[in-house]
N, C-alpha and C. Protein backbone atom coordinates (compact mmCIF):
# COMPACT_ATOMS: atom_id res chain seq x y z
N UNK A 1 141.64 111.57 -122.30
CA UNK A 1 141.07 111.79 -123.62
C UNK A 1 139.55 111.91 -123.49
N UNK A 2 139.05 113.13 -123.50
CA UNK A 2 137.60 113.33 -123.37
C UNK A 2 136.86 112.98 -124.66
N UNK A 3 137.59 112.79 -125.76
CA UNK A 3 136.94 112.41 -127.01
C UNK A 3 136.25 111.06 -126.92
N UNK A 4 136.75 110.16 -126.08
CA UNK A 4 136.11 108.86 -125.91
C UNK A 4 134.71 109.04 -125.34
N UNK A 5 134.57 109.85 -124.31
CA UNK A 5 133.26 110.12 -123.73
C UNK A 5 132.33 110.81 -124.72
N UNK A 6 132.88 111.71 -125.52
CA UNK A 6 132.07 112.40 -126.53
C UNK A 6 131.58 111.40 -127.57
N UNK A 7 132.47 110.52 -128.02
CA UNK A 7 132.09 109.52 -129.02
C UNK A 7 131.01 108.58 -128.46
N UNK A 8 131.14 108.20 -127.19
CA UNK A 8 130.12 107.36 -126.57
C UNK A 8 128.77 108.06 -126.57
N UNK A 9 128.77 109.34 -126.26
CA UNK A 9 127.52 110.11 -126.25
C UNK A 9 126.93 110.27 -127.65
N UNK A 10 127.77 110.48 -128.65
CA UNK A 10 127.30 110.60 -130.03
C UNK A 10 126.63 109.30 -130.45
N UNK A 11 127.27 108.17 -130.17
CA UNK A 11 126.69 106.87 -130.52
C UNK A 11 125.35 106.68 -129.81
N UNK A 12 125.30 107.01 -128.53
CA UNK A 12 124.05 106.87 -127.77
C UNK A 12 122.94 107.76 -128.33
N UNK A 13 123.28 108.98 -128.69
CA UNK A 13 122.29 109.92 -129.23
C UNK A 13 121.71 109.41 -130.55
N UNK A 14 122.58 108.98 -131.47
CA UNK A 14 122.07 108.55 -132.76
C UNK A 14 121.32 107.22 -132.65
N UNK A 15 121.75 106.35 -131.74
CA UNK A 15 121.01 105.10 -131.52
C UNK A 15 119.60 105.39 -131.02
N UNK A 16 119.48 106.32 -130.11
CA UNK A 16 118.18 106.69 -129.55
C UNK A 16 117.24 107.25 -130.63
N UNK A 17 117.78 108.10 -131.48
CA UNK A 17 116.95 108.75 -132.50
C UNK A 17 116.69 107.88 -133.73
N UNK A 18 117.48 106.83 -133.92
CA UNK A 18 117.31 105.97 -135.09
C UNK A 18 116.16 104.99 -134.94
N UNK A 19 115.70 104.79 -133.71
CA UNK A 19 114.57 103.89 -133.45
C UNK A 19 114.78 102.51 -134.06
N UNK A 20 115.99 101.97 -133.89
CA UNK A 20 116.29 100.61 -134.33
C UNK A 20 116.77 100.47 -135.76
N UNK A 21 116.69 101.53 -136.54
CA UNK A 21 117.18 101.47 -137.93
C UNK A 21 118.70 101.60 -137.94
N UNK A 22 119.33 100.89 -138.86
CA UNK A 22 120.79 100.94 -138.97
C UNK A 22 121.22 102.32 -139.46
N UNK A 23 122.26 102.84 -138.85
CA UNK A 23 122.81 104.16 -139.21
C UNK A 23 123.83 103.99 -140.33
N UNK A 24 123.73 104.82 -141.35
CA UNK A 24 124.69 104.78 -142.46
C UNK A 24 125.73 105.88 -142.36
N UNK A 25 125.30 107.04 -141.87
CA UNK A 25 126.21 108.20 -141.83
C UNK A 25 125.80 109.14 -140.71
N UNK A 26 126.81 109.71 -140.06
CA UNK A 26 126.58 110.71 -139.00
C UNK A 26 127.42 111.93 -139.34
N UNK A 27 126.80 113.10 -139.30
CA UNK A 27 127.52 114.35 -139.51
C UNK A 27 127.62 115.06 -138.16
N UNK A 28 128.84 115.25 -137.74
CA UNK A 28 129.13 115.90 -136.46
C UNK A 28 129.71 117.28 -136.74
N UNK A 29 129.19 118.29 -136.07
CA UNK A 29 129.69 119.65 -136.22
C UNK A 29 130.60 119.94 -135.02
N UNK A 30 131.86 120.28 -135.29
CA UNK A 30 132.84 120.50 -134.23
C UNK A 30 133.48 121.87 -134.43
N UNK A 31 133.37 122.73 -133.45
CA UNK A 31 133.98 124.04 -133.51
C UNK A 31 135.48 123.96 -133.27
N UNK A 32 136.23 124.77 -133.99
CA UNK A 32 137.68 124.76 -133.85
C UNK A 32 138.14 125.26 -132.48
N UNK A 33 137.28 125.93 -131.76
CA UNK A 33 137.61 126.42 -130.42
C UNK A 33 137.13 125.48 -129.31
N UNK A 34 136.55 124.36 -129.68
CA UNK A 34 135.94 123.45 -128.71
C UNK A 34 136.93 122.54 -127.99
N UNK A 35 138.18 122.55 -128.39
CA UNK A 35 139.22 121.69 -127.80
C UNK A 35 138.95 120.21 -128.04
N UNK A 36 138.21 119.91 -129.09
CA UNK A 36 137.93 118.53 -129.48
C UNK A 36 138.75 118.24 -130.74
N UNK A 37 139.47 117.13 -130.71
CA UNK A 37 140.31 116.75 -131.85
C UNK A 37 139.54 115.82 -132.78
N UNK A 38 139.26 116.27 -134.01
CA UNK A 38 138.48 115.46 -134.95
C UNK A 38 139.05 114.07 -135.20
N UNK A 39 140.36 113.94 -135.31
CA UNK A 39 140.97 112.62 -135.54
C UNK A 39 140.71 111.68 -134.37
N UNK A 40 140.79 112.21 -133.16
CA UNK A 40 140.54 111.39 -131.98
C UNK A 40 139.07 110.98 -131.90
N UNK A 41 138.17 111.88 -132.26
CA UNK A 41 136.74 111.55 -132.28
C UNK A 41 136.48 110.43 -133.28
N UNK A 42 137.07 110.52 -134.46
CA UNK A 42 136.87 109.49 -135.49
C UNK A 42 137.35 108.13 -134.99
N UNK A 43 138.52 108.10 -134.38
CA UNK A 43 139.06 106.86 -133.86
C UNK A 43 138.15 106.27 -132.78
N UNK A 44 137.73 107.10 -131.84
CA UNK A 44 136.89 106.65 -130.74
C UNK A 44 135.49 106.26 -131.22
N UNK A 45 134.97 106.96 -132.21
CA UNK A 45 133.64 106.67 -132.75
C UNK A 45 133.58 105.24 -133.26
N UNK A 46 134.60 104.85 -134.01
CA UNK A 46 134.63 103.50 -134.56
C UNK A 46 134.62 102.45 -133.45
N UNK A 47 135.35 102.68 -132.40
CA UNK A 47 135.41 101.75 -131.27
C UNK A 47 134.06 101.71 -130.55
N UNK A 48 133.47 102.86 -130.29
CA UNK A 48 132.21 102.94 -129.55
C UNK A 48 131.03 102.38 -130.35
N UNK A 49 131.12 102.41 -131.67
CA UNK A 49 130.03 101.95 -132.53
C UNK A 49 129.96 100.42 -132.63
N UNK A 50 131.05 99.74 -132.31
CA UNK A 50 131.07 98.27 -132.45
C UNK A 50 129.94 97.62 -131.67
N UNK A 51 129.23 96.72 -132.35
CA UNK A 51 128.15 96.00 -131.72
C UNK A 51 126.84 96.77 -131.61
N UNK A 52 126.78 97.95 -132.23
CA UNK A 52 125.56 98.76 -132.19
C UNK A 52 125.03 98.94 -133.61
N UNK A 53 123.89 99.57 -133.73
CA UNK A 53 123.33 99.87 -135.06
C UNK A 53 124.14 100.93 -135.80
N UNK A 54 125.14 101.49 -135.13
CA UNK A 54 126.00 102.50 -135.73
C UNK A 54 127.25 101.87 -136.34
N UNK A 55 127.52 100.63 -136.02
CA UNK A 55 128.73 99.98 -136.52
C UNK A 55 128.79 100.05 -138.04
N UNK A 56 129.94 100.48 -138.56
CA UNK A 56 130.14 100.60 -140.00
C UNK A 56 129.68 101.92 -140.59
N UNK A 57 129.06 102.76 -139.78
CA UNK A 57 128.59 104.05 -140.29
C UNK A 57 129.76 104.98 -140.57
N UNK A 58 129.58 105.81 -141.57
CA UNK A 58 130.57 106.84 -141.88
C UNK A 58 130.39 107.99 -140.90
N UNK A 59 131.48 108.47 -140.35
CA UNK A 59 131.43 109.67 -139.52
C UNK A 59 132.05 110.81 -140.30
N UNK A 60 131.24 111.82 -140.60
CA UNK A 60 131.73 113.02 -141.27
C UNK A 60 131.80 114.12 -140.23
N UNK A 61 132.89 114.85 -140.25
CA UNK A 61 133.07 115.93 -139.28
C UNK A 61 133.22 117.25 -140.02
N UNK A 62 132.34 118.18 -139.68
CA UNK A 62 132.36 119.52 -140.27
C UNK A 62 132.95 120.45 -139.21
N UNK A 63 134.10 121.03 -139.52
CA UNK A 63 134.73 121.94 -138.56
C UNK A 63 134.20 123.36 -138.77
N UNK A 64 133.89 124.03 -137.67
CA UNK A 64 133.35 125.38 -137.70
C UNK A 64 134.43 126.34 -137.19
N UNK A 65 134.77 127.32 -138.00
CA UNK A 65 135.79 128.30 -137.63
C UNK A 65 135.31 129.19 -136.49
N UNK A 66 136.26 129.69 -135.72
CA UNK A 66 135.94 130.62 -134.65
C UNK A 66 135.57 131.98 -135.21
N UNK A 67 134.49 132.54 -134.68
CA UNK A 67 134.03 133.86 -135.12
C UNK A 67 133.58 134.64 -133.90
N UNK A 68 133.99 135.89 -133.84
CA UNK A 68 133.60 136.74 -132.72
C UNK A 68 133.06 138.06 -133.20
N UNK A 69 132.36 138.75 -132.29
CA UNK A 69 131.84 140.08 -132.56
C UNK A 69 132.32 140.99 -131.44
N UNK A 70 132.90 142.11 -131.81
CA UNK A 70 133.37 143.08 -130.83
C UNK A 70 132.18 143.84 -130.25
N UNK A 71 132.06 143.82 -128.94
CA UNK A 71 130.94 144.52 -128.29
C UNK A 71 131.12 146.03 -128.31
N UNK A 72 132.35 146.49 -128.55
CA UNK A 72 132.60 147.93 -128.57
C UNK A 72 132.35 148.57 -129.94
N UNK A 73 132.87 147.95 -131.01
CA UNK A 73 132.73 148.56 -132.34
C UNK A 73 131.82 147.77 -133.28
N UNK A 74 131.44 146.55 -132.90
CA UNK A 74 130.54 145.74 -133.72
C UNK A 74 131.21 144.95 -134.83
N UNK A 75 132.53 145.02 -134.92
CA UNK A 75 133.24 144.31 -135.98
C UNK A 75 133.20 142.80 -135.74
N UNK A 76 133.15 142.05 -136.85
CA UNK A 76 133.27 140.60 -136.78
C UNK A 76 134.73 140.25 -137.01
N UNK A 77 135.22 139.26 -136.28
CA UNK A 77 136.61 138.87 -136.46
C UNK A 77 136.78 137.37 -136.27
N UNK A 78 137.77 136.84 -136.99
CA UNK A 78 138.10 135.43 -136.85
C UNK A 78 138.77 135.24 -135.49
N UNK A 79 138.40 134.17 -134.80
CA UNK A 79 138.97 133.88 -133.49
C UNK A 79 139.84 132.63 -133.57
N UNK A 80 140.92 132.64 -132.81
CA UNK A 80 141.72 131.44 -132.64
C UNK A 80 141.90 131.23 -131.14
N UNK A 81 142.61 130.21 -130.78
CA UNK A 81 142.79 129.90 -129.36
C UNK A 81 143.59 130.97 -128.63
N UNK A 82 144.52 131.60 -129.33
CA UNK A 82 145.46 132.48 -128.66
C UNK A 82 144.97 133.90 -128.43
N UNK A 83 144.17 134.42 -129.34
CA UNK A 83 143.90 135.85 -129.27
C UNK A 83 142.45 136.18 -129.57
N UNK A 84 141.84 136.92 -128.65
CA UNK A 84 140.48 137.42 -128.88
C UNK A 84 140.51 138.94 -128.73
N UNK A 85 141.29 139.59 -129.58
CA UNK A 85 141.42 141.04 -129.54
C UNK A 85 140.97 141.60 -130.87
N UNK A 86 140.07 142.57 -130.81
CA UNK A 86 139.56 143.22 -132.02
C UNK A 86 140.62 144.16 -132.60
N UNK A 87 140.47 144.47 -133.87
CA UNK A 87 141.40 145.42 -134.51
C UNK A 87 141.29 146.81 -133.89
N UNK A 88 140.17 147.11 -133.22
CA UNK A 88 140.02 148.41 -132.55
C UNK A 88 140.77 148.43 -131.22
N UNK A 89 141.31 147.26 -130.81
CA UNK A 89 142.06 147.17 -129.56
C UNK A 89 141.26 146.62 -128.39
N UNK A 90 139.98 146.48 -128.57
CA UNK A 90 139.11 145.99 -127.50
C UNK A 90 139.29 144.49 -127.28
N UNK A 91 139.20 144.09 -126.02
CA UNK A 91 139.18 142.66 -125.66
C UNK A 91 137.75 142.23 -125.30
N UNK A 92 136.81 143.11 -125.53
CA UNK A 92 135.41 142.84 -125.23
C UNK A 92 134.77 142.16 -126.45
N UNK A 93 135.20 140.92 -126.69
CA UNK A 93 134.79 140.16 -127.87
C UNK A 93 133.95 138.98 -127.44
N UNK A 94 132.80 138.83 -128.07
CA UNK A 94 131.90 137.71 -127.78
C UNK A 94 132.03 136.66 -128.87
N UNK A 95 132.24 135.41 -128.47
CA UNK A 95 132.34 134.31 -129.43
C UNK A 95 130.93 133.96 -129.92
N UNK A 96 130.74 133.93 -131.25
CA UNK A 96 129.44 133.58 -131.82
C UNK A 96 129.49 132.28 -132.62
N UNK A 97 130.69 131.76 -132.87
CA UNK A 97 130.84 130.48 -133.57
C UNK A 97 132.21 129.91 -133.25
N UNK A 98 132.27 128.58 -133.27
CA UNK A 98 133.55 127.91 -133.06
C UNK A 98 133.59 127.03 -131.82
N UNK A 99 132.55 127.11 -130.99
CA UNK A 99 132.50 126.28 -129.78
C UNK A 99 131.52 125.11 -129.93
N UNK A 100 130.94 124.95 -131.12
CA UNK A 100 129.92 123.93 -131.36
C UNK A 100 130.47 122.52 -131.16
N UNK A 101 129.58 121.66 -130.73
CA UNK A 101 129.83 120.22 -130.70
C UNK A 101 128.46 119.57 -130.72
N UNK A 102 128.01 119.19 -131.92
CA UNK A 102 126.65 118.65 -132.01
C UNK A 102 126.51 117.68 -133.18
N UNK A 103 125.56 116.79 -133.04
CA UNK A 103 125.18 115.91 -134.14
C UNK A 103 124.29 116.75 -135.04
N UNK A 104 124.78 117.05 -136.22
CA UNK A 104 124.04 117.92 -137.14
C UNK A 104 122.99 117.12 -137.91
N UNK A 105 123.37 115.91 -138.35
CA UNK A 105 122.41 115.07 -139.07
C UNK A 105 122.88 113.62 -139.04
N UNK A 106 121.95 112.74 -139.35
CA UNK A 106 122.28 111.32 -139.48
C UNK A 106 121.46 110.73 -140.60
N UNK A 107 122.01 109.72 -141.23
CA UNK A 107 121.34 109.03 -142.32
C UNK A 107 121.13 107.58 -141.91
N UNK A 108 119.90 107.10 -142.05
CA UNK A 108 119.59 105.72 -141.70
C UNK A 108 119.25 104.94 -142.96
N UNK A 109 119.32 103.60 -142.86
CA UNK A 109 118.99 102.76 -144.00
C UNK A 109 117.51 102.72 -144.23
């Protein structure tokens, strides 16, 4: 479960940036193509936050849909895990959204 390591890193990042202030809320941006399970992150976050200034903080997760652009015709298309084929038939599709995994914002007391 790589979500445990991700949750540990999220807690470490927000602790570093909070400069000792208690964290009330963390907004995490997770792309649907990132292979990260939001429920697992939430579970692990609570465990990793225990005993830190993040303990008791709300974790909000914003999921970002997969989006691609066809390099051949320029069309934008929704991407999923299974298929990255443009309606023009091209497989030359560049992912422009959906792979994100970042702390978007945090709220301190």
